[in-house]
Protein backbone atom coordinates (compact mmCIF):
# COMPACT_ATOMS: atom_id res chain seq x y z
CA UNK A 1 -51.91 -29.51 91.24
CA UNK A 2 -54.49 -30.63 88.65
CA UNK A 3 -51.82 -30.77 85.95
CA UNK A 4 -49.40 -32.73 88.14
CA UNK A 5 -52.12 -35.22 89.05
CA UNK A 6 -53.02 -35.58 85.35
CA UNK A 7 -56.67 -34.79 86.06
CA UNK A 8 -59.00 -33.33 83.45
CA UNK A 9 -59.77 -29.63 83.68
CA UNK A 10 -63.33 -29.24 84.94
CA UNK A 11 -64.95 -25.83 85.02
CA UNK A 12 -67.67 -25.00 87.51
CA UNK A 13 -70.00 -24.52 84.52
CA UNK A 14 -69.38 -28.16 83.50
CA UNK A 15 -71.22 -29.21 86.65
CA UNK A 16 -74.45 -27.80 85.17
CA UNK A 17 -74.12 -30.21 82.24
CA UNK A 18 -73.44 -33.09 84.63
CA UNK A 19 -76.41 -32.11 86.78
CA UNK A 20 -78.79 -32.08 83.79
CA UNK A 21 -77.49 -35.35 82.36
CA UNK A 22 -77.64 -37.23 85.66
CA UNK A 23 -81.17 -36.02 86.39
CA UNK A 24 -82.33 -37.08 82.92
CA UNK A 25 -80.71 -40.46 83.45
CA UNK A 26 -82.74 -40.83 86.64
CA UNK A 27 -85.92 -40.14 84.71
CA UNK A 28 -86.61 -36.66 86.06
CA UNK A 29 -89.04 -34.47 84.17
CA UNK A 30 -87.26 -32.26 81.63
CA UNK A 31 -89.37 -29.24 82.62
CA UNK A 32 -88.21 -29.59 86.23
CA UNK A 33 -84.56 -29.84 85.16
CA UNK A 34 -84.93 -26.83 82.88
CA UNK A 35 -86.42 -24.75 85.69
CA UNK A 36 -83.67 -25.80 88.11
CA UNK A 37 -81.08 -24.56 85.62
CA UNK A 38 -82.99 -21.31 85.09
CA UNK A 39 -83.61 -21.87 81.39
CA UNK A 40 -86.42 -20.11 79.60
CA UNK A 41 -87.42 -23.28 77.75
CA UNK A 42 -86.62 -27.00 77.68
CA UNK A 43 -84.99 -26.76 74.23
CA UNK A 44 -81.93 -25.10 75.76
CA UNK A 45 -81.69 -27.82 78.38
CA UNK A 46 -82.05 -30.65 75.88
CA UNK A 47 -79.88 -29.22 73.11
CA UNK A 48 -77.02 -27.79 75.15
CA UNK A 49 -76.95 -29.15 78.68
CA UNK A 50 -78.07 -32.76 78.47
CA UNK A 51 -75.76 -35.48 77.20
CA UNK A 52 -76.30 -39.18 76.60
CA UNK A 53 -74.12 -40.98 79.10
CA UNK A 54 -72.47 -44.26 78.04
CA UNK A 55 -74.63 -46.47 80.22
CA UNK A 56 -77.85 -44.82 79.02
CA UNK A 57 -77.61 -46.50 75.57
CA UNK A 58 -76.99 -49.90 77.16
CA UNK A 59 -79.83 -49.45 79.64
CA UNK A 60 -82.22 -48.49 76.83
CA UNK A 61 -81.21 -51.58 74.85
CA UNK A 62 -81.74 -53.79 77.89
CA UNK A 63 -85.21 -52.35 78.52
CA UNK A 64 -86.14 -52.92 74.88
CA UNK A 65 -84.91 -56.52 75.00
CA UNK A 66 -86.98 -57.17 78.12
CA UNK A 67 -90.04 -55.67 76.45
CA UNK A 68 -89.56 -57.73 73.29
CA UNK A 69 -88.61 -61.09 74.75
CA UNK A 70 -90.31 -61.23 78.15
CA UNK A 71 -93.82 -60.29 77.15
């Protein structure tokens, strides 16, 4: 069914990456995210499980522009 619908293959494990990335995007503490995923340290979470989402770069640029030009 997934192939017929031309949907990407998503493994259950991929949801862990999504979970970490979305929580980081929301500003959650990395230690909390790491513990939720059962990692022994935050390095695993940051290096393997977290990903920069497309809107995160734009949001960071917008916050910097506000800081520079509205203060």
